[in-house]
Amino acid sequence: RQRQERLRPWLPNVQAGASGGMFGGSPGSDLRNDGSRSDVDLLAVWELRNAGLGNVALQRQAGQLRQQAMLAMQLAHDQIAAEVVAAYAEMQSYRQQVAIARLRRYIHHTFYPWVTSYLFTRV
């Protein structure tokens, strides 16, 4: 859009039209002299808004809109990256919890029978 606004003053608005019909006339109410008529019109108009200052404002506005879109895209990119990092950290935490639970289970099943038998036989 910025490019469009930059080129606007140099490109004309072009309009074309065509018309046709019959006309005729003679003295009194007699219409003996008649003939056909056709016209073709072509119009090119260049537009400068506020002596060119309006065009500059439109160019700046288009540039600002482009910049806003780029910043919004960067913000979305950063939000996605933050979510991925948070999900990865959460997954790592779950992996550690599972590893600790497995170790506790292993220790319990391996040493608990030995400790209980040792304690109860010594009494």
PDB file of N, CA and C in Angstrom:
ATOM      1  N   ARG A   1       0.818  -1.183   0.000  1.00  0.00           N
ATOM      2  CA  ARG A   1       0.000   0.000   0.000  1.00  0.00           C
ATOM      3  C   ARG A   1       0.872   1.261   0.000  1.00  0.00           C
ATOM      4  N   GLN A   2       2.001   1.180   0.673  1.00  0.00           N
ATOM      5  CA  GLN A   2       2.896   2.341   0.701  1.00  0.00           C
ATOM      6  C   GLN A   2       3.382   2.666  -0.707  1.00  0.00           C
ATOM      7  N   ARG A   3       3.697   1.650  -1.468  1.00  0.00           N
ATOM      8  CA  ARG A   3       4.136   1.862  -2.846  1.00  0.00           C
ATOM      9  C   ARG A   3       3.013   2.483  -3.683  1.00  0.00           C
ATOM     10  N   GLN A   4       1.795   2.009  -3.443  1.00  0.00           N
ATOM     11  CA  GLN A   4       0.632   2.543  -4.159  1.00  0.00           C
ATOM     12  C   GLN A   4       0.478   4.039  -3.867  1.00  0.00           C
ATOM     13  N   GLU A   5       0.612   4.421  -2.612  1.00  0.00           N
ATOM     14  CA  GLU A   5       0.471   5.832  -2.258  1.00  0.00           C
ATOM     15  C   GLU A   5       1.615   6.668  -2.817  1.00  0.00           C
ATOM     16  N   ARG A   6       2.799   6.084  -2.928  1.00  0.00           N
ATOM     17  CA  ARG A   6       3.939   6.810  -3.482  1.00  0.00           C
ATOM     18  C   ARG A   6       3.731   7.079  -4.976  1.00  0.00           C
ATOM     19  N   LEU A   7       3.084   6.133  -5.660  1.00  0.00           N
ATOM     20  CA  LEU A   7       2.884   6.290  -7.107  1.00  0.00           C
ATOM     21  C   LEU A   7       1.598   7.039  -7.458  1.00  0.00           C
ATOM     22  N   ARG A   8       0.703   7.249  -6.497  1.00  0.00           N
ATOM     23  CA  ARG A   8      -0.605   7.847  -6.773  1.00  0.00           C
ATOM     24  C   ARG A   8      -0.531   9.183  -7.518  1.00  0.00           C
ATOM     25  N   PRO A   9       0.325  10.134  -7.139  1.00  0.00           N
ATOM     26  CA  PRO A   9       0.315  11.419  -7.855  1.00  0.00           C
ATOM     27  C   PRO A   9       0.755  11.303  -9.315  1.00  0.00           C
ATOM     28  N   TRP A  10       1.479  10.262  -9.661  1.00  0.00           N
ATOM     29  CA  TRP A  10       2.013  10.136 -11.011  1.00  0.00           C
ATOM     30  C   TRP A  10       1.119   9.339 -11.942  1.00  0.00           C
ATOM     31  N   LEU A  11       0.174   8.593 -11.402  1.00  0.00           N
ATOM     32  CA  LEU A  11      -0.724   7.790 -12.234  1.00  0.00           C
ATOM     33  C   LEU A  11      -2.096   8.443 -12.291  1.00  0.00           C
ATOM     34  N   PRO A  12      -2.615   8.674 -13.496  1.00  0.00           N
ATOM     35  CA  PRO A  12      -3.912   9.344 -13.595  1.00  0.00           C
ATOM     36  C   PRO A  12      -5.071   8.372 -13.381  1.00  0.00           C
ATOM     37  N   ASN A  13      -6.195   8.940 -12.995  1.00  0.00           N
ATOM     38  CA  ASN A  13      -7.451   8.200 -13.025  1.00  0.00           C
ATOM     39  C   ASN A  13      -8.002   8.336 -14.439  1.00  0.00           C
ATOM     40  N   VAL A  14      -8.238   7.224 -15.089  1.00  0.00           N
ATOM     41  CA  VAL A  14      -8.677   7.237 -16.485  1.00  0.00           C
ATOM     42  C   VAL A  14     -10.138   6.815 -16.532  1.00  0.00           C
ATOM     43  N   GLN A  15     -10.924   7.600 -17.271  1.00  0.00           N
ATOM     44  CA  GLN A  15     -12.336   7.291 -17.460  1.00  0.00           C
ATOM     45  C   GLN A  15     -12.643   7.335 -18.952  1.00  0.00           C
ATOM     46  N   ALA A  16     -13.461   6.403 -19.392  1.00  0.00           N
ATOM     47  CA  ALA A  16     -13.870   6.374 -20.804  1.00  0.00           C
ATOM     48  C   ALA A  16     -15.388   6.274 -20.854  1.00  0.00           C
ATOM     49  N   GLY A  17     -15.971   6.877 -21.860  1.00  0.00           N
ATOM     50  CA  GLY A  17     -17.414   6.841 -22.018  1.00  0.00           C
ATOM     51  C   GLY A  17     -17.794   6.898 -23.488  1.00  0.00           C
ATOM     52  N   ALA A  18     -18.967   6.392 -23.772  1.00  0.00           N
ATOM     53  CA  ALA A  18     -19.482   6.434 -25.149  1.00  0.00           C
ATOM     54  C   ALA A  18     -20.972   6.722 -25.093  1.00  0.00           C
ATOM     55  N   SER A  19     -21.437   7.440 -26.082  1.00  0.00           N
ATOM     56  CA  SER A  19     -22.871   7.746 -26.165  1.00  0.00           C
ATOM     57  C   SER A  19     -23.264   7.815 -27.633  1.00  0.00           C
ATOM     58  N   GLY A  20     -24.511   7.634 -27.864  1.00  0.00           N
ATOM     59  CA  GLY A  20     -25.011   7.688 -29.248  1.00  0.00           C
ATOM     60  C   GLY A  20     -26.514   7.934 -29.261  1.00  0.00           C
ATOM     61  N   GLY A  21     -27.021   8.312 -30.398  1.00  0.00           N
ATOM     62  CA  GLY A  21     -28.451   8.553 -30.497  1.00  0.00           C
ATOM     63  C   GLY A  21     -28.823   9.143 -31.847  1.00  0.00           C
ATOM     64  N   MET A  22     -30.056   9.544 -31.942  1.00  0.00           N
ATOM     65  CA  MET A  22     -30.589  10.146 -33.169  1.00  0.00           C
ATOM     66  C   MET A  22     -30.987  11.589 -32.881  1.00  0.00           C
ATOM     67  N   PHE A  23     -30.828  12.426 -33.873  1.00  0.00           N
ATOM     68  CA  PHE A  23     -31.299  13.799 -33.733  1.00  0.00           C
ATOM     69  C   PHE A  23     -31.857  14.233 -35.088  1.00  0.00           C
ATOM     70  N   GLY A  24     -32.672  15.189 -35.024  1.00  0.00           N
ATOM     71  CA  GLY A  24     -33.232  15.677 -36.278  1.00  0.00           C
ATOM     72  C   GLY A  24     -34.121  16.883 -36.043  1.00  0.00           C
ATOM     73  N   GLY A  25     -34.504  17.492 -37.112  1.00  0.00           N
ATOM     74  CA  GLY A  25     -35.374  18.636 -36.976  1.00  0.00           C
ATOM     75  C   GLY A  25     -35.544  19.372 -38.304  1.00  0.00           C
ATOM     76  N   SER A  26     -36.632  20.072 -38.398  1.00  0.00           N
ATOM     77  CA  SER A  26     -36.921  20.909 -39.558  1.00  0.00           C
ATOM     78  C   SER A  26     -37.958  21.938 -39.118  1.00  0.00           C
ATOM     79  N   PRO A  27     -38.235  22.931 -39.975  1.00  0.00           N
ATOM     80  CA  PRO A  27     -39.215  23.945 -39.557  1.00  0.00           C
ATOM     81  C   PRO A  27     -40.580  23.315 -39.294  1.00  0.00           C
ATOM     82  N   GLY A  28     -41.245  23.790 -38.280  1.00  0.00           N
ATOM     83  CA  GLY A  28     -42.558  23.265 -37.931  1.00  0.00           C
ATOM     84  C   GLY A  28     -42.427  21.994 -37.106  1.00  0.00           C
ATOM     85  N   SER A  29     -43.409  21.154 -37.269  1.00  0.00           N
ATOM     86  CA  SER A  29     -43.411  19.910 -36.495  1.00  0.00           C
ATOM     87  C   SER A  29     -43.016  18.729 -37.361  1.00  0.00           C
ATOM     88  N   ASP A  30     -42.453  18.984 -38.523  1.00  0.00           N
ATOM     89  CA  ASP A  30     -42.054  17.919 -39.439  1.00  0.00           C
ATOM     90  C   ASP A  30     -40.620  17.488 -39.120  1.00  0.00           C
ATOM     91  N   LEU A  31     -40.367  16.198 -38.957  1.00  0.00           N
ATOM     92  CA  LEU A  31     -39.044  15.679 -38.627  1.00  0.00           C
ATOM     93  C   LEU A  31     -38.471  14.914 -39.812  1.00  0.00           C
ATOM     94  N   ARG A  32     -38.245  15.600 -40.938  1.00  0.00           N
ATOM     95  CA  ARG A  32     -37.714  14.929 -42.103  1.00  0.00           C
ATOM     96  C   ARG A  32     -36.205  14.834 -42.076  1.00  0.00           C
ATOM     97  N   ASN A  33     -35.517  15.809 -41.564  1.00  0.00           N
ATOM     98  CA  ASN A  33     -34.066  15.777 -41.491  1.00  0.00           C
ATOM     99  C   ASN A  33     -33.662  15.107 -40.171  1.00  0.00           C
ATOM    100  N   ASP A  34     -33.200  13.906 -40.255  1.00  0.00           N
ATOM    101  CA  ASP A  34     -32.713  13.240 -39.042  1.00  0.00           C
ATOM    102  C   ASP A  34     -31.383  12.572 -39.364  1.00  0.00           C
ATOM    103  N   GLY A  35     -30.646  12.280 -38.332  1.00  0.00           N
ATOM    104  CA  GLY A  35     -29.346  11.656 -38.499  1.00  0.00           C
ATOM    105  C   GLY A  35     -28.899  11.025 -37.174  1.00  0.00           C
ATOM    106  N   SER A  36     -27.878  10.263 -37.271  1.00  0.00           N
ATOM    107  CA  SER A  36     -27.374   9.606 -36.051  1.00  0.00           C
ATOM    108  C   SER A  36     -26.140  10.341 -35.539  1.00  0.00           C
ATOM    109  N   ARG A  37     -25.869  10.123 -34.292  1.00  0.00           N
ATOM    110  CA  ARG A  37     -24.729  10.781 -33.665  1.00  0.00           C
ATOM    111  C   ARG A  37     -24.103   9.809 -32.664  1.00  0.00           C
ATOM    112  N   SER A  38     -22.791   9.817 -32.576  1.00  0.00           N
ATOM    113  CA  SER A  38     -22.098   9.002 -31.567  1.00  0.00           C
ATOM    114  C   SER A  38     -20.878   9.782 -31.074  1.00  0.00           C
ATOM    115  N   ASP A  39     -20.616   9.631 -29.780  1.00  0.00           N
ATOM    116  CA  ASP A  39     -19.479  10.311 -29.149  1.00  0.00           C
ATOM    117  C   ASP A  39     -18.697   9.313 -28.315  1.00  0.00           C
ATOM    118  N   VAL A  40     -17.408   9.508 -28.298  1.00  0.00           N
ATOM    119  CA  VAL A  40     -16.526   8.729 -27.416  1.00  0.00           C
ATOM    120  C   VAL A  40     -15.714   9.740 -26.610  1.00  0.00           C
ATOM    121  N   ASP A  41     -15.701   9.550 -25.293  1.00  0.00           N
ATOM    122  CA  ASP A  41     -14.970  10.460 -24.407  1.00  0.00           C
ATOM    123  C   ASP A  41     -13.885   9.682 -23.675  1.00  0.00           C
ATOM    124  N   LEU A  42     -12.735  10.289 -23.550  1.00  0.00           N
ATOM    125  CA  LEU A  42     -11.634   9.722 -22.775  1.00  0.00           C
ATOM    126  C   LEU A  42     -11.117  10.827 -21.870  1.00  0.00           C
ATOM    127  N   LEU A  43     -10.996  10.513 -20.569  1.00  0.00           N
ATOM    128  CA  LEU A  43     -10.629  11.517 -19.591  1.00  0.00           C
ATOM    129  C   LEU A  43      -9.522  10.966 -18.700  1.00  0.00           C
ATOM    130  N   ALA A  44      -8.459  11.749 -18.515  1.00  0.00           N
ATOM    131  CA  ALA A  44      -7.371  11.387 -17.608  1.00  0.00           C
ATOM    132  C   ALA A  44      -7.207  12.518 -16.598  1.00  0.00           C
ATOM    133  N   VAL A  45      -7.244  12.169 -15.294  1.00  0.00           N
ATOM    134  CA  VAL A  45      -7.171  13.178 -14.240  1.00  0.00           C
ATOM    135  C   VAL A  45      -6.063  12.792 -13.267  1.00  0.00           C
ATOM    136  N   TRP A  46      -5.129  13.722 -13.045  1.00  0.00           N
ATOM    137  CA  TRP A  46      -4.095  13.534 -12.025  1.00  0.00           C
ATOM    138  C   TRP A  46      -4.575  14.251 -10.772  1.00  0.00           C
ATOM    139  N   GLU A  47      -4.326  13.649  -9.626  1.00  0.00           N
ATOM    140  CA  GLU A  47      -4.855  14.203  -8.384  1.00  0.00           C
ATOM    141  C   GLU A  47      -3.713  14.484  -7.404  1.00  0.00           C
ATOM    142  N   LEU A  48      -3.633  15.718  -6.979  1.00  0.00           N
ATOM    143  CA  LEU A  48      -2.718  16.112  -5.908  1.00  0.00           C
ATOM    144  C   LEU A  48      -3.574  16.563  -4.735  1.00  0.00           C
ATOM    145  N   ARG A  49      -3.433  15.906  -3.623  1.00  0.00           N
ATOM    146  CA  ARG A  49      -4.230  16.265  -2.448  1.00  0.00           C
ATOM    147  C   ARG A  49      -3.470  17.294  -1.617  1.00  0.00           C
ATOM    148  N   ASN A  50      -4.116  18.399  -1.352  1.00  0.00           N
ATOM    149  CA  ASN A  50      -3.519  19.493  -0.568  1.00  0.00           C
ATOM    150  C   ASN A  50      -2.146  19.892  -1.131  1.00  0.00           C
ATOM    151  N   ALA A  51      -2.104  20.130  -2.398  1.00  0.00           N
ATOM    152  CA  ALA A  51      -0.878  20.541  -3.102  1.00  0.00           C
ATOM    153  C   ALA A  51       0.253  19.548  -2.896  1.00  0.00           C
ATOM    154  N   GLY A  52      -0.072  18.277  -2.822  1.00  0.00           N
ATOM    155  CA  GLY A  52       0.935  17.236  -2.669  1.00  0.00           C
ATOM    156  C   GLY A  52       1.196  16.849  -1.226  1.00  0.00           C
ATOM    157  N   LEU A  53       0.830  17.695  -0.270  1.00  0.00           N
ATOM    158  CA  LEU A  53       1.055  17.371   1.141  1.00  0.00           C
ATOM    159  C   LEU A  53       0.138  16.248   1.608  1.00  0.00           C
ATOM    160  N   GLY A  54      -1.050  16.205   1.072  1.00  0.00           N
ATOM    161  CA  GLY A  54      -1.964  15.111   1.413  1.00  0.00           C
ATOM    162  C   GLY A  54      -1.429  13.775   0.936  1.00  0.00           C
ATOM    163  N   ASN A  55      -0.772  13.776  -0.215  1.00  0.00           N
ATOM    164  CA  ASN A  55      -0.166  12.546  -0.727  1.00  0.00           C
ATOM    165  C   ASN A  55       0.982  12.093   0.173  1.00  0.00           C
ATOM    166  N   VAL A  56       1.765  13.042   0.659  1.00  0.00           N
ATOM    167  CA  VAL A  56       2.852  12.704   1.577  1.00  0.00           C
ATOM    168  C   VAL A  56       2.271  12.107   2.855  1.00  0.00           C
ATOM    169  N   ALA A  57       1.185  12.684   3.352  1.00  0.00           N
ATOM    170  CA  ALA A  57       0.543  12.160   4.561  1.00  0.00           C
ATOM    171  C   ALA A  57       0.029  10.741   4.327  1.00  0.00           C
ATOM    172  N   LEU A  58      -0.549  10.497   3.154  1.00  0.00           N
ATOM    173  CA  LEU A  58      -1.029   9.142   2.845  1.00  0.00           C
ATOM    174  C   LEU A  58       0.124   8.151   2.755  1.00  0.00           C
ATOM    175  N   GLN A  59       1.251   8.599   2.201  1.00  0.00           N
ATOM    176  CA  GLN A  59       2.432   7.733   2.129  1.00  0.00           C
ATOM    177  C   GLN A  59       2.930   7.391   3.532  1.00  0.00           C
ATOM    178  N   ARG A  60       2.968   8.389   4.397  1.00  0.00           N
ATOM    179  CA  ARG A  60       3.415   8.142   5.781  1.00  0.00           C
ATOM    180  C   ARG A  60       2.450   7.218   6.511  1.00  0.00           C
ATOM    181  N   GLN A  61       1.164   7.445   6.295  1.00  0.00           N
ATOM    182  CA  GLN A  61       0.164   6.597   6.948  1.00  0.00           C
ATOM    183  C   GLN A  61       0.304   5.145   6.486  1.00  0.00           C
ATOM    184  N   ALA A  62       0.505   4.942   5.204  1.00  0.00           N
ATOM    185  CA  ALA A  62       0.691   3.589   4.691  1.00  0.00           C
ATOM    186  C   ALA A  62       1.951   2.959   5.279  1.00  0.00           C
ATOM    187  N   GLY A  63       3.014   3.743   5.414  1.00  0.00           N
ATOM    188  CA  GLY A  63       4.240   3.237   6.032  1.00  0.00           C
ATOM    189  C   GLY A  63       4.025   2.871   7.492  1.00  0.00           C
ATOM    190  N   GLN A  64       3.240   3.684   8.203  1.00  0.00           N
ATOM    191  CA  GLN A  64       2.953   3.406   9.612  1.00  0.00           C
ATOM    192  C   GLN A  64       2.118   2.129   9.745  1.00  0.00           C
ATOM    193  N   LEU A  65       1.157   1.939   8.851  1.00  0.00           N
ATOM    194  CA  LEU A  65       0.349   0.714   8.890  1.00  0.00           C
ATOM    195  C   LEU A  65       1.208  -0.518   8.635  1.00  0.00           C
ATOM    196  N   ARG A  66       2.144  -0.381   7.715  1.00  0.00           N
ATOM    197  CA  ARG A  66       3.065  -1.492   7.434  1.00  0.00           C
ATOM    198  C   ARG A  66       3.925  -1.794   8.660  1.00  0.00           C
ATOM    199  N   GLN A  67       4.416  -0.750   9.298  1.00  0.00           N
ATOM    200  CA  GLN A  67       5.239  -0.925  10.497  1.00  0.00           C
ATOM    201  C   GLN A  67       4.428  -1.580  11.621  1.00  0.00           C
ATOM    202  N   GLN A  68       3.170  -1.168  11.783  1.00  0.00           N
ATOM    203  CA  GLN A  68       2.303  -1.777  12.800  1.00  0.00           C
ATOM    204  C   GLN A  68       2.110  -3.261  12.523  1.00  0.00           C
ATOM    205  N   ALA A  69       1.911  -3.595  11.270  1.00  0.00           N
ATOM    206  CA  ALA A  69       1.720  -5.009  10.917  1.00  0.00           C
ATOM    207  C   ALA A  69       2.988  -5.810  11.209  1.00  0.00           C
ATOM    208  N   MET A  70       4.137  -5.238  10.918  1.00  0.00           N
ATOM    209  CA  MET A  70       5.398  -5.933  11.194  1.00  0.00           C
ATOM    210  C   MET A  70       5.597  -6.127  12.697  1.00  0.00           C
ATOM    211  N   LEU A  71       5.261  -5.107  13.490  1.00  0.00           N
ATOM    212  CA  LEU A  71       5.400  -5.217  14.942  1.00  0.00           C
ATOM    213  C   LEU A  71       4.419  -6.239  15.514  1.00  0.00           C
ATOM    214  N   ALA A  72       3.204  -6.271  14.978  1.00  0.00           N
ATOM    215  CA  ALA A  72       2.226  -7.261  15.438  1.00  0.00           C
ATOM    216  C   ALA A  72       2.699  -8.674  15.110  1.00  0.00           C
ATOM    217  N   MET A  73       3.292  -8.846  13.945  1.00  0.00           N
ATOM    218  CA  MET A  73       3.812 -10.158  13.574  1.00  0.00           C
ATOM    219  C   MET A  73       4.977 -10.548  14.488  1.00  0.00           C
ATOM    220  N   GLN A  74       5.848  -9.602  14.811  1.00  0.00           N
ATOM    221  CA  GLN A  74       6.966  -9.883  15.713  1.00  0.00           C
ATOM    222  C   GLN A  74       6.463 -10.217  17.116  1.00  0.00           C
ATOM    223  N   LEU A  75       5.428  -9.514  17.573  1.00  0.00           N
ATOM    224  CA  LEU A  75       4.845  -9.796  18.882  1.00  0.00           C
ATOM    225  C   LEU A  75       4.270 -11.208  18.922  1.00  0.00           C
ATOM    226  N   ALA A  76       3.555 -11.591  17.877  1.00  0.00           N
ATOM    227  CA  ALA A  76       3.001 -12.946  17.811  1.00  0.00           C
ATOM    228  C   ALA A  76       4.136 -13.978  17.802  1.00  0.00           C
ATOM    229  N   HIS A  77       5.187 -13.695  17.074  1.00  0.00           N
ATOM    230  CA  HIS A  77       6.345 -14.594  17.027  1.00  0.00           C
ATOM    231  C   HIS A  77       6.953 -14.755  18.416  1.00  0.00           C
ATOM    232  N   ASP A  78       7.115 -13.645  19.128  1.00  0.00           N
ATOM    233  CA  ASP A  78       7.688 -13.689  20.474  1.00  0.00           C
ATOM    234  C   ASP A  78       6.780 -14.443  21.448  1.00  0.00           C
ATOM    235  N   GLN A  79       5.462 -14.257  21.327  1.00  0.00           N
ATOM    236  CA  GLN A  79       4.530 -14.969  22.201  1.00  0.00           C
ATOM    237  C   GLN A  79       4.591 -16.474  21.961  1.00  0.00           C
ATOM    238  N   ILE A  80       4.690 -16.859  20.714  1.00  0.00           N
ATOM    239  CA  ILE A  80       4.785 -18.286  20.387  1.00  0.00           C
ATOM    240  C   ILE A  80       6.080 -18.860  20.946  1.00  0.00           C
ATOM    241  N   ALA A  81       7.171 -18.122  20.790  1.00  0.00           N
ATOM    242  CA  ALA A  81       8.458 -18.599  21.323  1.00  0.00           C
ATOM    243  C   ALA A  81       8.403 -18.739  22.839  1.00  0.00           C
ATOM    244  N   ALA A  82       7.764 -17.798  23.523  1.00  0.00           N
ATOM    245  CA  ALA A  82       7.640 -17.875  24.981  1.00  0.00           C
ATOM    246  C   ALA A  82       6.807 -19.079  25.392  1.00  0.00           C
ATOM    247  N   GLU A  83       5.744 -19.355  24.665  1.00  0.00           N
ATOM    248  CA  GLU A  83       4.911 -20.514  24.979  1.00  0.00           C
ATOM    249  C   GLU A  83       5.683 -21.819  24.765  1.00  0.00           C
ATOM    250  N   VAL A  84       6.474 -21.872  23.709  1.00  0.00           N
ATOM    251  CA  VAL A  84       7.265 -23.083  23.440  1.00  0.00           C
ATOM    252  C   VAL A  84       8.284 -23.294  24.551  1.00  0.00           C
ATOM    253  N   VAL A  85       8.952 -22.233  24.976  1.00  0.00           N
ATOM    254  CA  VAL A  85       9.948 -22.349  26.043  1.00  0.00           C
ATOM    255  C   VAL A  85       9.282 -22.792  27.342  1.00  0.00           C
ATOM    256  N   ALA A  86       8.117 -22.220  27.663  1.00  0.00           N
ATOM    257  CA  ALA A  86       7.409 -22.599  28.893  1.00  0.00           C
ATOM    258  C   ALA A  86       6.968 -24.058  28.827  1.00  0.00           C
ATOM    259  N   ALA A  87       6.469 -24.499  27.690  1.00  0.00           N
ATOM    260  CA  ALA A  87       6.036 -25.892  27.543  1.00  0.00           C
ATOM    261  C   ALA A  87       7.231 -26.840  27.666  1.00  0.00           C
ATOM    262  N   TYR A  88       8.370 -26.461  27.124  1.00  0.00           N
ATOM    263  CA  TYR A  88       9.560 -27.297  27.223  1.00  0.00           C
ATOM    264  C   TYR A  88      10.024 -27.402  28.680  1.00  0.00           C
ATOM    265  N   ALA A  89      10.019 -26.281  29.394  1.00  0.00           N
ATOM    266  CA  ALA A  89      10.423 -26.299  30.809  1.00  0.00           C
ATOM    267  C   ALA A  89       9.461 -27.157  31.627  1.00  0.00           C
ATOM    268  N   GLU A  90       8.176 -27.067  31.339  1.00  0.00           N
ATOM    269  CA  GLU A  90       7.186 -27.885  32.052  1.00  0.00           C
ATOM    270  C   GLU A  90       7.404 -29.364  31.759  1.00  0.00           C
ATOM    271  N   MET A  91       7.711 -29.694  30.517  1.00  0.00           N
ATOM    272  CA  MET A  91       7.976 -31.078  30.153  1.00  0.00           C
ATOM    273  C   MET A  91       9.215 -31.600  30.879  1.00  0.00           C
ATOM    274  N   GLN A  92      10.254 -30.777  30.961  1.00  0.00           N
ATOM    275  CA  GLN A  92      11.459 -31.182  31.679  1.00  0.00           C
ATOM    276  C   GLN A  92      11.157 -31.416  33.160  1.00  0.00           C
ATOM    277  N   SER A  93      10.330 -30.560  33.739  1.00  0.00           N
ATOM    278  CA  SER A  93       9.940 -30.728  35.139  1.00  0.00           C
ATOM    279  C   SER A  93       9.184 -32.037  35.331  1.00  0.00           C
ATOM    280  N   TYR A  94       8.266 -32.358  34.429  1.00  0.00           N
ATOM    281  CA  TYR A  94       7.525 -33.623  34.518  1.00  0.00           C
ATOM    282  C   TYR A  94       8.472 -34.817  34.382  1.00  0.00           C
ATOM    283  N   ARG A  95       9.435 -34.707  33.500  1.00  0.00           N
ATOM    284  CA  ARG A  95      10.409 -35.800  33.346  1.00  0.00           C
ATOM    285  C   ARG A  95      11.200 -36.019  34.640  1.00  0.00           C
ATOM    286  N   GLN A  96      11.585 -34.931  35.275  1.00  0.00           N
ATOM    287  CA  GLN A  96      12.307 -35.059  36.539  1.00  0.00           C
ATOM    288  C   GLN A  96      11.419 -35.678  37.614  1.00  0.00           C
ATOM    289  N   GLN A  97      10.154 -35.276  37.653  1.00  0.00           N
ATOM    290  CA  GLN A  97       9.227 -35.846  38.635  1.00  0.00           C
ATOM    291  C   GLN A  97       9.047 -37.342  38.406  1.00  0.00           C
ATOM    292  N   VAL A  98       8.939 -37.754  37.163  1.00  0.00           N
ATOM    293  CA  VAL A  98       8.789 -39.176  36.843  1.00  0.00           C
ATOM    294  C   VAL A  98      10.058 -39.929  37.245  1.00  0.00           C
ATOM    295  N   ALA A  99      11.226 -39.358  36.964  1.00  0.00           N
ATOM    296  CA  ALA A  99      12.479 -40.016  37.327  1.00  0.00           C
ATOM    297  C   ALA A  99      12.594 -40.164  38.841  1.00  0.00           C
ATOM    298  N   ILE A 100      12.216 -39.145  39.596  1.00  0.00           N
ATOM    299  CA  ILE A 100      12.259 -39.217  41.060  1.00  0.00           C
ATOM    300  C   ILE A 100      11.283 -40.267  41.572  1.00  0.00           C
ATOM    301  N   ALA A 101      10.080 -40.292  40.990  1.00  0.00           N
ATOM    302  CA  ALA A 101       9.084 -41.283  41.411  1.00  0.00           C
ATOM    303  C   ALA A 101       9.578 -42.695  41.120  1.00  0.00           C
ATOM    304  N   ARG A 102      10.200 -42.900  39.994  1.00  0.00           N
ATOM    305  CA  ARG A 102      10.739 -44.235  39.673  1.00  0.00           C
ATOM    306  C   ARG A 102      11.858 -44.617  40.646  1.00  0.00           C
ATOM    307  N   LEU A 103      12.710 -43.667  40.970  1.00  0.00           N
ATOM    308  CA  LEU A 103      13.795 -43.942  41.916  1.00  0.00           C
ATOM    309  C   LEU A 103      13.235 -44.282  43.299  1.00  0.00           C
ATOM    310  N   ARG A 104      12.246 -43.540  43.754  1.00  0.00           N
ATOM    311  CA  ARG A 104      11.625 -43.836  45.046  1.00  0.00           C
ATOM    312  C   ARG A 104      10.990 -45.218  45.043  1.00  0.00           C
ATOM    313  N   ARG A 105      10.323 -45.529  43.946  1.00  0.00           N
ATOM    314  CA  ARG A 105       9.684 -46.848  43.837  1.00  0.00           C
ATOM    315  C   ARG A 105      10.735 -47.954  43.868  1.00  0.00           C
ATOM    316  N   TYR A 106      11.821 -47.743  43.151  1.00  0.00           N
ATOM    317  CA  TYR A 106      12.899 -48.730  43.122  1.00  0.00           C
ATOM    318  C   TYR A 106      13.487 -48.912  44.526  1.00  0.00           C
ATOM    319  N   ILE A 107      13.760 -47.803  45.200  1.00  0.00           N
ATOM    320  CA  ILE A 107      14.332 -47.877  46.543  1.00  0.00           C
ATOM    321  C   ILE A 107      13.364 -48.566  47.493  1.00  0.00           C
ATOM    322  N   HIS A 108      12.095 -48.207  47.392  1.00  0.00           N
ATOM    323  CA  HIS A 108      11.094 -48.805  48.281  1.00  0.00           C
ATOM    324  C   HIS A 108      11.007 -50.314  48.060  1.00  0.00           C
ATOM    325  N   HIS A 109      10.916 -50.756  46.821  1.00  0.00           N
ATOM    326  CA  HIS A 109      10.775 -52.181  46.540  1.00  0.00           C
ATOM    327  C   HIS A 109      12.073 -52.952  46.798  1.00  0.00           C
ATOM    328  N   THR A 110      13.187 -52.273  46.685  1.00  0.00           N
ATOM    329  CA  THR A 110      14.465 -52.964  46.886  1.00  0.00           C
ATOM    330  C   THR A 110      14.838 -53.031  48.366  1.00  0.00           C
ATOM    331  N   PHE A 111      14.744 -51.937  49.076  1.00  0.00           N
ATOM    332  CA  PHE A 111      15.261 -51.889  50.438  1.00  0.00           C
ATOM    333  C   PHE A 111      14.209 -52.043  51.519  1.00  0.00           C
ATOM    334  N   TYR A 112      12.964 -51.788  51.254  1.00  0.00           N
ATOM    335  CA  TYR A 112      11.932 -51.865  52.286  1.00  0.00           C
ATOM    336  C   TYR A 112      11.799 -53.271  52.864  1.00  0.00           C
ATOM    337  N   PRO A 113      11.734 -54.328  52.050  1.00  0.00           N
ATOM    338  CA  PRO A 113      11.642 -55.665  52.653  1.00  0.00           C
ATOM    339  C   PRO A 113      12.872 -56.002  53.505  1.00  0.00           C
ATOM    340  N   TRP A 114      14.023 -55.573  53.066  1.00  0.00           N
ATOM    341  CA  TRP A 114      15.243 -55.879  53.808  1.00  0.00           C
ATOM    342  C   TRP A 114      15.265 -55.153  55.145  1.00  0.00           C
ATOM    343  N   VAL A 115      14.883 -53.858  55.133  1.00  0.00           N
ATOM    344  CA  VAL A 115      14.886 -53.067  56.362  1.00  0.00           C
ATOM    345  C   VAL A 115      13.854 -53.589  57.339  1.00  0.00           C
ATOM    346  N   THR A 116      12.659 -53.908  56.865  1.00  0.00           N
ATOM    347  CA  THR A 116      11.619 -54.386  57.782  1.00  0.00           C
ATOM    348  C   THR A 116      11.992 -55.744  58.367  1.00  0.00           C
ATOM    349  N   SER A 117      12.540 -56.605  57.566  1.00  0.00           N
ATOM    350  CA  SER A 117      12.925 -57.910  58.109  1.00  0.00           C
ATOM    351  C   SER A 117      14.068 -57.764  59.107  1.00  0.00           C
ATOM    352  N   TYR A 118      14.975 -56.854  58.864  1.00  0.00           N
ATOM    353  CA  TYR A 118      16.088 -56.631  59.782  1.00  0.00           C
ATOM    354  C   TYR A 118      15.589 -56.063  61.108  1.00  0.00           C
ATOM    355  N   LEU A 119      14.673 -55.102  61.008  1.00  0.00           N
ATOM    356  CA  LEU A 119      14.174 -54.472  62.228  1.00  0.00           C
ATOM    357  C   LEU A 119      13.317 -55.424  63.051  1.00  0.00           C
ATOM    358  N   PHE A 120      12.496 -56.224  62.440  1.00  0.00           N
ATOM    359  CA  PHE A 120      11.598 -57.086  63.182  1.00  0.00           C
ATOM    360  C   PHE A 120      12.304 -58.332  63.712  1.00  0.00           C
ATOM    361  N   THR A 121      13.375 -58.745  63.093  1.00  0.00           N
ATOM    362  CA  THR A 121      14.096 -59.898  63.610  1.00  0.00           C
ATOM    363  C   THR A 121      15.043 -59.527  64.734  1.00  0.00           C
ATOM    364  N   ARG A 122      15.396 -58.315  64.900  1.00  0.00           N
ATOM    365  CA  ARG A 122      16.324 -57.859  65.918  1.00  0.00           C
ATOM    366  C   ARG A 122      15.628 -57.569  67.242  1.00  0.00           C
ATOM    367  N   VAL A 123      14.380 -57.526  67.242  1.00  0.00           N
ATOM    368  CA  VAL A 123      13.666 -57.136  68.451  1.00  0.00           C
ATOM    369  C   VAL A 123      13.697 -58.190  69.497  1.00  0.00           C
TER     370      VAL A 123
END
